[in-house]
């Protein structure tokens, strides 16, 4: 036997087609949190300039 086949099996969940719904949910939650934080900071800055 000249060829080692132990490492030739495809790794599951890796590649272009990989999608993890849990990771997608966490990313969306973090994205929403950052967006809300930036919007509140922007609103605070704009309210200070109006006074």
N, C-alpha and C. Protein backbone atom coordinates (compact mmCIF):
# COMPACT_ATOMS: atom_id res chain seq x y z
N UNK A 1 0.85 -1.18 0.00
CA UNK A 1 0.00 0.00 0.00
C UNK A 1 0.89 1.23 0.00
N UNK A 2 0.75 2.05 -1.01
CA UNK A 2 1.58 3.23 -1.16
C UNK A 2 0.85 4.53 -0.88
N UNK A 3 -0.46 4.48 -0.80
CA UNK A 3 -1.25 5.69 -0.63
C UNK A 3 -1.95 5.68 0.72
N UNK A 4 -1.78 6.74 1.49
CA UNK A 4 -2.45 6.87 2.79
C UNK A 4 -3.79 7.54 2.55
N UNK A 5 -4.85 6.88 2.96
CA UNK A 5 -6.20 7.40 2.72
C UNK A 5 -6.88 7.90 3.99
N UNK A 6 -6.20 7.88 5.10
CA UNK A 6 -6.82 8.27 6.37
C UNK A 6 -7.24 9.74 6.37
N UNK A 7 -6.49 10.60 5.72
CA UNK A 7 -6.78 12.04 5.75
C UNK A 7 -7.50 12.53 4.50
N UNK A 8 -7.95 11.64 3.65
CA UNK A 8 -8.57 12.06 2.41
C UNK A 8 -10.08 12.24 2.51
N UNK A 9 -10.68 11.86 3.59
CA UNK A 9 -12.13 12.02 3.74
C UNK A 9 -12.45 13.51 3.85
N UNK A 10 -13.51 13.95 3.20
CA UNK A 10 -13.87 15.37 3.28
C UNK A 10 -14.27 15.75 4.71
N UNK A 11 -13.87 16.92 5.10
CA UNK A 11 -14.19 17.42 6.43
C UNK A 11 -15.61 17.97 6.40
N UNK A 12 -16.49 17.48 7.25
CA UNK A 12 -17.87 17.99 7.23
C UNK A 12 -17.95 19.43 7.72
N UNK A 13 -18.90 20.15 7.18
CA UNK A 13 -19.21 21.53 7.58
C UNK A 13 -18.15 22.55 7.21
N UNK A 14 -17.27 22.23 6.29
CA UNK A 14 -16.28 23.21 5.85
C UNK A 14 -16.42 23.44 4.36
N UNK A 15 -16.15 24.63 3.91
CA UNK A 15 -16.21 24.94 2.50
C UNK A 15 -17.22 26.04 2.20
N UNK A 16 -17.47 26.25 0.94
CA UNK A 16 -18.34 27.33 0.51
C UNK A 16 -19.80 27.07 0.86
N UNK A 17 -20.20 25.81 0.92
CA UNK A 17 -21.60 25.48 1.17
C UNK A 17 -21.95 25.39 2.65
N UNK A 18 -20.99 25.67 3.51
CA UNK A 18 -21.19 25.50 4.94
C UNK A 18 -22.06 26.62 5.49
N UNK A 19 -23.06 26.26 6.29
CA UNK A 19 -23.93 27.25 6.93
C UNK A 19 -24.29 26.74 8.31
N UNK A 20 -24.06 27.56 9.31
CA UNK A 20 -24.40 27.22 10.68
C UNK A 20 -25.47 28.19 11.15
N UNK A 21 -26.70 27.72 11.33
CA UNK A 21 -27.78 28.63 11.73
C UNK A 21 -27.54 29.29 13.08
N UNK A 22 -26.86 28.60 13.99
CA UNK A 22 -26.57 29.18 15.30
C UNK A 22 -25.60 30.35 15.15
N UNK A 23 -24.55 30.16 14.36
CA UNK A 23 -23.60 31.23 14.13
C UNK A 23 -24.27 32.41 13.42
N UNK A 24 -25.12 32.12 12.46
CA UNK A 24 -25.82 33.19 11.75
C UNK A 24 -26.71 33.98 12.70
N UNK A 25 -27.37 33.30 13.63
CA UNK A 25 -28.21 33.98 14.60
C UNK A 25 -27.40 34.87 15.53
N UNK A 26 -26.26 34.36 15.98
CA UNK A 26 -25.39 35.15 16.86
C UNK A 26 -24.86 36.37 16.12
N UNK A 27 -24.43 36.16 14.89
CA UNK A 27 -23.93 37.29 14.09
C UNK A 27 -25.01 38.36 13.90
N UNK A 28 -26.22 37.94 13.61
CA UNK A 28 -27.31 38.89 13.41
C UNK A 28 -27.63 39.64 14.70
N UNK A 29 -27.59 38.94 15.83
CA UNK A 29 -27.86 39.57 17.13
C UNK A 29 -26.79 40.62 17.44
N UNK A 30 -25.54 40.28 17.21
CA UNK A 30 -24.44 41.22 17.46
C UNK A 30 -24.54 42.40 16.51
N UNK A 31 -24.85 42.13 15.25
CA UNK A 31 -24.99 43.20 14.26
C UNK A 31 -26.09 44.17 14.66
N UNK A 32 -27.21 43.63 15.13
CA UNK A 32 -28.33 44.47 15.57
C UNK A 32 -27.95 45.30 16.79
N UNK A 33 -27.21 44.70 17.72
CA UNK A 33 -26.77 45.41 18.91
C UNK A 33 -25.85 46.58 18.54
N UNK A 34 -24.89 46.33 17.67
CA UNK A 34 -23.96 47.38 17.25
C UNK A 34 -24.70 48.49 16.51
N UNK A 35 -25.64 48.10 15.65
CA UNK A 35 -26.42 49.09 14.91
C UNK A 35 -27.23 49.97 15.86
N UNK A 36 -27.86 49.38 16.86
CA UNK A 36 -28.65 50.15 17.83
C UNK A 36 -27.75 51.08 18.64
N UNK A 37 -26.57 50.60 19.01
CA UNK A 37 -25.64 51.41 19.77
C UNK A 37 -25.17 52.62 18.95
N UNK A 38 -24.84 52.39 17.69
CA UNK A 38 -24.40 53.49 16.83
C UNK A 38 -25.53 54.49 16.59
N UNK A 39 -26.73 54.01 16.39
CA UNK A 39 -27.87 54.91 16.18
C UNK A 39 -28.13 55.77 17.41
N UNK A 40 -28.02 55.19 18.60
CA UNK A 40 -28.25 55.98 19.81
C UNK A 40 -27.15 57.01 20.01
N UNK A 41 -25.90 56.65 19.70
CA UNK A 41 -24.81 57.61 19.81
C UNK A 41 -24.97 58.74 18.80
N UNK A 42 -25.39 58.39 17.58
CA UNK A 42 -25.60 59.41 16.56
C UNK A 42 -26.73 60.35 16.96
N UNK A 43 -27.80 59.79 17.48
CA UNK A 43 -28.93 60.61 17.92
C UNK A 43 -28.50 61.54 19.06
N UNK A 44 -27.69 61.06 19.98
CA UNK A 44 -27.22 61.89 21.09
C UNK A 44 -26.36 63.04 20.57
N UNK A 45 -25.49 62.76 19.62
CA UNK A 45 -24.63 63.81 19.06
C UNK A 45 -25.47 64.84 18.31
N UNK A 46 -26.43 64.38 17.53
CA UNK A 46 -27.27 65.31 16.78
C UNK A 46 -28.13 66.15 17.71
N UNK A 47 -28.59 65.60 18.81
CA UNK A 47 -29.39 66.37 19.77
C UNK A 47 -28.54 67.41 20.48
N UNK A 48 -27.27 67.13 20.72
CA UNK A 48 -26.39 68.11 21.35
C UNK A 48 -26.16 69.31 20.44
N UNK A 49 -26.03 69.05 19.15
CA UNK A 49 -25.79 70.14 18.21
C UNK A 49 -27.03 71.01 18.05
N UNK A 50 -28.20 70.44 18.23
CA UNK A 50 -29.45 71.19 18.06
C UNK A 50 -29.68 72.14 19.22
N UNK A 51 -29.09 71.88 20.36
CA UNK A 51 -29.31 72.74 21.54
C UNK A 51 -28.50 73.99 21.50
